[in-house]
């Protein structure tokens, strides 16, 4: 399984993980909970149904091989993208821009 193989080959250092791009950033231990809570709040600011669907894709992808996980992701993206109007895409894009600007 991909997930268990990834865990067994996981870097032992946060700095190595960051350098290998398997983590977004490294924070000092005193900032860990503050940053974790900020990330959780950011995750909750997206459309709720999208967060649930995205987490489901991640869970299903990690439960299989990398190749199969990517196929799951592509199939879900294709299905979702076909159901969204160009206006909705632009609205969501603007919401992402606003969130990113507010995080600075």
N, C-alpha and C. Protein backbone atom coordinates (compact mmCIF):
# COMPACT_ATOMS: atom_id res chain seq x y z
N UNK A 1 0.83 -1.19 0.00
CA UNK A 1 0.00 0.00 0.00
C UNK A 1 0.88 1.25 0.00
N UNK A 2 0.44 2.27 -0.72
CA UNK A 2 1.20 3.51 -0.84
C UNK A 2 1.39 4.19 0.51
N UNK A 3 0.31 4.31 1.30
CA UNK A 3 0.39 5.03 2.56
C UNK A 3 1.40 4.40 3.51
N UNK A 4 1.37 3.08 3.63
CA UNK A 4 2.31 2.44 4.55
C UNK A 4 3.73 2.54 4.02
N UNK A 5 3.91 2.47 2.72
CA UNK A 5 5.25 2.63 2.15
C UNK A 5 5.76 4.04 2.37
N UNK A 6 4.88 5.01 2.24
CA UNK A 6 5.28 6.40 2.45
C UNK A 6 5.67 6.63 3.91
N UNK A 7 4.91 6.03 4.83
CA UNK A 7 5.24 6.20 6.24
C UNK A 7 6.58 5.56 6.58
N UNK A 8 6.85 4.40 6.03
CA UNK A 8 8.09 3.72 6.37
C UNK A 8 9.30 4.43 5.78
N UNK A 9 9.09 5.19 4.70
CA UNK A 9 10.20 5.92 4.09
C UNK A 9 10.19 7.39 4.50
N UNK A 10 9.36 7.74 5.47
CA UNK A 10 9.21 9.14 5.86
C UNK A 10 10.50 9.70 6.45
N UNK A 11 10.80 10.97 6.10
CA UNK A 11 11.99 11.61 6.67
C UNK A 11 11.85 11.73 8.18
N UNK A 12 12.96 11.68 8.88
CA UNK A 12 12.93 11.75 10.34
C UNK A 12 13.10 13.16 10.85
N UNK A 13 13.35 14.10 9.99
CA UNK A 13 13.58 15.48 10.40
C UNK A 13 12.60 16.40 9.69
N UNK A 14 12.07 17.37 10.44
CA UNK A 14 11.15 18.33 9.84
C UNK A 14 11.84 19.12 8.74
N UNK A 15 13.09 19.45 8.93
CA UNK A 15 13.83 20.21 7.92
C UNK A 15 14.03 19.37 6.64
N UNK A 16 14.29 18.08 6.81
CA UNK A 16 14.41 17.20 5.64
C UNK A 16 13.07 17.11 4.92
N UNK A 17 11.99 17.00 5.69
CA UNK A 17 10.65 16.93 5.09
C UNK A 17 10.36 18.20 4.30
N UNK A 18 10.70 19.35 4.85
CA UNK A 18 10.47 20.61 4.15
C UNK A 18 11.30 20.68 2.89
N UNK A 19 12.55 20.25 2.97
CA UNK A 19 13.42 20.28 1.80
C UNK A 19 12.93 19.32 0.72
N UNK A 20 12.32 18.23 1.13
CA UNK A 20 11.80 17.24 0.18
C UNK A 20 10.39 17.60 -0.30
N UNK A 21 9.90 18.75 0.15
CA UNK A 21 8.56 19.23 -0.21
C UNK A 21 7.45 18.31 0.27
N UNK A 22 7.70 17.55 1.34
CA UNK A 22 6.64 16.72 1.90
C UNK A 22 5.97 17.39 3.09
N UNK A 23 6.37 18.62 3.37
CA UNK A 23 5.67 19.45 4.35
C UNK A 23 5.64 20.86 3.81
N UNK A 24 4.64 21.61 4.24
CA UNK A 24 4.48 22.96 3.71
C UNK A 24 5.47 23.93 4.34
N UNK A 25 5.66 23.79 5.64
CA UNK A 25 6.59 24.68 6.34
C UNK A 25 6.98 24.07 7.67
N UNK A 26 8.05 24.57 8.24
CA UNK A 26 8.54 24.12 9.53
C UNK A 26 8.38 25.28 10.51
N UNK A 27 7.80 24.97 11.66
CA UNK A 27 7.62 26.00 12.68
C UNK A 27 8.25 25.52 13.98
N UNK A 28 8.67 26.46 14.83
CA UNK A 28 9.21 26.05 16.13
C UNK A 28 8.12 25.39 16.97
N UNK A 29 8.50 24.51 17.87
CA UNK A 29 7.50 23.82 18.70
C UNK A 29 6.53 24.77 19.41
N UNK A 30 7.01 25.92 19.83
CA UNK A 30 6.14 26.87 20.54
C UNK A 30 5.05 27.44 19.64
N UNK A 31 5.23 27.35 18.33
CA UNK A 31 4.25 27.88 17.37
C UNK A 31 3.37 26.81 16.74
N UNK A 32 3.64 25.56 17.07
CA UNK A 32 2.96 24.46 16.38
C UNK A 32 1.44 24.51 16.52
N UNK A 33 0.92 24.62 17.74
CA UNK A 33 -0.53 24.64 17.93
C UNK A 33 -1.16 25.89 17.34
N UNK A 34 -0.47 27.01 17.44
CA UNK A 34 -0.99 28.26 16.87
C UNK A 34 -1.13 28.11 15.36
N UNK A 35 -0.10 27.57 14.72
CA UNK A 35 -0.13 27.38 13.27
C UNK A 35 -1.14 26.30 12.87
N UNK A 36 -1.25 25.24 13.67
CA UNK A 36 -2.22 24.18 13.37
C UNK A 36 -3.64 24.72 13.44
N UNK A 37 -3.92 25.54 14.43
CA UNK A 37 -5.26 26.13 14.55
C UNK A 37 -5.54 27.11 13.41
N UNK A 38 -4.54 27.88 13.02
CA UNK A 38 -4.71 28.80 11.89
C UNK A 38 -5.01 28.03 10.61
N UNK A 39 -4.30 26.92 10.40
CA UNK A 39 -4.55 26.09 9.23
C UNK A 39 -5.96 25.49 9.28
N UNK A 40 -6.37 25.03 10.44
CA UNK A 40 -7.72 24.48 10.59
C UNK A 40 -8.78 25.53 10.28
N UNK A 41 -8.57 26.75 10.76
CA UNK A 41 -9.52 27.84 10.46
C UNK A 41 -9.55 28.13 8.96
N UNK A 42 -8.40 28.11 8.33
CA UNK A 42 -8.34 28.33 6.89
C UNK A 42 -9.11 27.23 6.16
N UNK A 43 -8.92 26.00 6.58
CA UNK A 43 -9.64 24.87 5.94
C UNK A 43 -11.14 25.04 6.10
N UNK A 44 -11.58 25.57 7.25
CA UNK A 44 -13.01 25.73 7.48
C UNK A 44 -13.59 26.91 6.71
N UNK A 45 -12.74 27.76 6.14
CA UNK A 45 -13.24 28.92 5.40
C UNK A 45 -13.61 28.58 3.96
N UNK A 46 -13.30 27.37 3.51
CA UNK A 46 -13.68 26.98 2.14
C UNK A 46 -15.12 26.48 2.14
N UNK A 47 -15.65 26.24 0.96
CA UNK A 47 -17.01 25.70 0.88
C UNK A 47 -17.06 24.36 1.59
N UNK A 48 -17.96 24.20 2.56
CA UNK A 48 -17.99 22.97 3.36
C UNK A 48 -18.07 21.69 2.54
N UNK A 49 -18.91 21.66 1.52
CA UNK A 49 -19.04 20.43 0.73
C UNK A 49 -17.75 20.13 -0.03
N UNK A 50 -16.98 21.16 -0.40
CA UNK A 50 -15.72 20.94 -1.10
C UNK A 50 -14.67 20.35 -0.15
N UNK A 51 -14.64 20.84 1.08
CA UNK A 51 -13.69 20.31 2.06
C UNK A 51 -13.97 18.84 2.33
N UNK A 52 -15.23 18.49 2.50
CA UNK A 52 -15.61 17.10 2.75
C UNK A 52 -15.23 16.23 1.56
N UNK A 53 -15.54 16.70 0.36
CA UNK A 53 -15.24 15.92 -0.85
C UNK A 53 -13.73 15.77 -1.03
N UNK A 54 -12.98 16.84 -0.78
CA UNK A 54 -11.53 16.79 -0.95
C UNK A 54 -10.89 15.83 0.05
N UNK A 55 -11.33 15.90 1.31
CA UNK A 55 -10.80 14.98 2.32
C UNK A 55 -11.12 13.52 1.96
N UNK A 56 -12.28 13.29 1.37
CA UNK A 56 -12.64 11.94 0.96
C UNK A 56 -11.72 11.43 -0.15
N UNK A 57 -11.41 12.30 -1.11
CA UNK A 57 -10.49 11.93 -2.19
C UNK A 57 -9.11 11.59 -1.61
N UNK A 58 -8.65 12.41 -0.67
CA UNK A 58 -7.35 12.15 -0.04
C UNK A 58 -7.36 10.80 0.67
N UNK A 59 -8.38 10.55 1.47
CA UNK A 59 -8.46 9.29 2.21
C UNK A 59 -8.51 8.09 1.27
N UNK A 60 -9.32 8.19 0.23
CA UNK A 60 -9.42 7.07 -0.71
C UNK A 60 -8.12 6.89 -1.49
N UNK A 61 -7.47 7.98 -1.83
CA UNK A 61 -6.21 7.89 -2.56
C UNK A 61 -5.11 7.26 -1.73
N UNK A 62 -5.03 7.63 -0.46
CA UNK A 62 -4.00 7.06 0.40
C UNK A 62 -4.24 5.59 0.72
N UNK A 63 -5.47 5.13 0.53
CA UNK A 63 -5.80 3.74 0.83
C UNK A 63 -5.42 2.80 -0.31
N UNK A 64 -4.85 3.35 -1.38
CA UNK A 64 -4.53 2.53 -2.54
C UNK A 64 -3.14 2.88 -3.04
N UNK A 65 -2.82 2.46 -4.24
CA UNK A 65 -1.52 2.80 -4.81
C UNK A 65 -1.52 4.25 -5.27
N UNK A 66 -0.34 4.80 -5.50
CA UNK A 66 -0.24 6.17 -5.98
C UNK A 66 -0.96 6.32 -7.32
N UNK A 67 -0.72 5.39 -8.23
CA UNK A 67 -1.34 5.45 -9.55
C UNK A 67 -2.87 5.42 -9.45
N UNK A 68 -3.39 4.51 -8.66
CA UNK A 68 -4.85 4.43 -8.49
C UNK A 68 -5.39 5.67 -7.79
N UNK A 69 -4.63 6.19 -6.83
CA UNK A 69 -5.03 7.41 -6.14
C UNK A 69 -5.14 8.59 -7.09
N UNK A 70 -4.18 8.69 -8.00
CA UNK A 70 -4.22 9.77 -8.99
C UNK A 70 -5.40 9.59 -9.93
N UNK A 71 -5.73 8.35 -10.26
CA UNK A 71 -6.89 8.09 -11.12
C UNK A 71 -8.19 8.49 -10.41
N UNK A 72 -8.27 8.21 -9.12
CA UNK A 72 -9.44 8.62 -8.33
C UNK A 72 -9.57 10.14 -8.34
N UNK A 73 -8.44 10.82 -8.11
CA UNK A 73 -8.46 12.28 -8.10
C UNK A 73 -8.90 12.84 -9.45
N UNK A 74 -8.37 12.30 -10.55
CA UNK A 74 -8.72 12.78 -11.89
C UNK A 74 -10.20 12.55 -12.17
N UNK A 75 -10.73 11.37 -11.83
CA UNK A 75 -12.13 11.06 -12.09
C UNK A 75 -13.05 12.01 -11.31
N UNK A 76 -12.73 12.28 -10.05
CA UNK A 76 -13.55 13.20 -9.25
C UNK A 76 -13.46 14.62 -9.78
N UNK A 77 -12.27 15.04 -10.18
CA UNK A 77 -12.10 16.39 -10.72
C UNK A 77 -12.92 16.55 -12.00
N UNK A 78 -12.83 15.56 -12.88
CA UNK A 78 -13.59 15.62 -14.13
C UNK A 78 -15.09 15.69 -13.87
N UNK A 79 -15.57 14.87 -12.94
CA UNK A 79 -17.00 14.86 -12.62
C UNK A 79 -17.44 16.20 -12.02
N UNK A 80 -16.65 16.74 -11.11
CA UNK A 80 -17.00 18.01 -10.47
C UNK A 80 -16.89 19.19 -11.43
N UNK A 81 -15.85 19.19 -12.24
CA UNK A 81 -15.64 20.32 -13.13
C UNK A 81 -16.73 20.43 -14.19
N UNK A 82 -17.28 19.32 -14.59
CA UNK A 82 -18.34 19.34 -15.58
C UNK A 82 -19.65 19.90 -15.05
N UNK A 83 -19.79 19.97 -13.74
CA UNK A 83 -21.03 20.43 -13.12
C UNK A 83 -20.97 21.88 -12.66
N UNK A 84 -19.88 22.58 -12.95
CA UNK A 84 -19.69 23.94 -12.46
C UNK A 84 -19.70 24.91 -13.63
N UNK A 85 -20.47 25.99 -13.49
CA UNK A 85 -20.54 26.99 -14.55
C UNK A 85 -19.30 27.87 -14.54
N UNK A 86 -18.99 28.51 -15.66
CA UNK A 86 -17.84 29.44 -15.69
C UNK A 86 -17.97 30.56 -14.66
N UNK A 87 -19.18 31.01 -14.41
CA UNK A 87 -19.40 32.06 -13.41
C UNK A 87 -19.05 31.56 -12.00
N UNK A 88 -19.43 30.33 -11.72
CA UNK A 88 -19.12 29.75 -10.41
C UNK A 88 -17.61 29.57 -10.25
N UNK A 89 -16.94 29.15 -11.31
CA UNK A 89 -15.48 29.01 -11.25
C UNK A 89 -14.84 30.35 -10.94
N UNK A 90 -15.27 31.41 -11.60
CA UNK A 90 -14.70 32.73 -11.36
C UNK A 90 -15.01 33.20 -9.94
N UNK A 91 -16.19 32.91 -9.45
CA UNK A 91 -16.56 33.28 -8.08
C UNK A 91 -15.66 32.57 -7.07
N UNK A 92 -15.44 31.29 -7.29
CA UNK A 92 -14.56 30.53 -6.39
C UNK A 92 -13.13 31.00 -6.49
N UNK A 93 -12.68 31.31 -7.70
CA UNK A 93 -11.31 31.80 -7.89
C UNK A 93 -11.12 33.11 -7.12
N UNK A 94 -12.10 33.98 -7.18
CA UNK A 94 -12.01 35.25 -6.46
C UNK A 94 -12.00 35.02 -4.94
N UNK A 95 -12.78 34.06 -4.48
CA UNK A 95 -12.78 33.73 -3.05
C UNK A 95 -11.41 33.24 -2.60
N UNK A 96 -10.75 32.44 -3.44
CA UNK A 96 -9.40 31.95 -3.11
C UNK A 96 -8.43 33.11 -3.06
N UNK A 97 -8.53 34.00 -4.03
CA UNK A 97 -7.64 35.19 -4.04
C UNK A 97 -7.84 36.01 -2.77
N UNK A 98 -9.07 36.22 -2.39
CA UNK A 98 -9.37 37.01 -1.19
C UNK A 98 -8.81 36.34 0.06
N UNK A 99 -9.02 35.01 0.16
CA UNK A 99 -8.47 34.28 1.31
C UNK A 99 -6.96 34.41 1.35
N UNK A 100 -6.30 34.25 0.22
CA UNK A 100 -4.84 34.34 0.16
C UNK A 100 -4.38 35.74 0.57
N UNK A 101 -5.08 36.75 0.09
CA UNK A 101 -4.71 38.13 0.43
C UNK A 101 -4.86 38.38 1.93
N UNK A 102 -5.92 37.85 2.52
CA UNK A 102 -6.17 38.04 3.95
C UNK A 102 -5.20 37.28 4.83
N UNK A 103 -4.53 36.27 4.29
CA UNK A 103 -3.57 35.50 5.08
C UNK A 103 -2.23 36.18 5.19
N UNK A 104 -1.95 37.18 4.37
CA UNK A 104 -0.64 37.83 4.37
C UNK A 104 -0.43 38.68 5.59
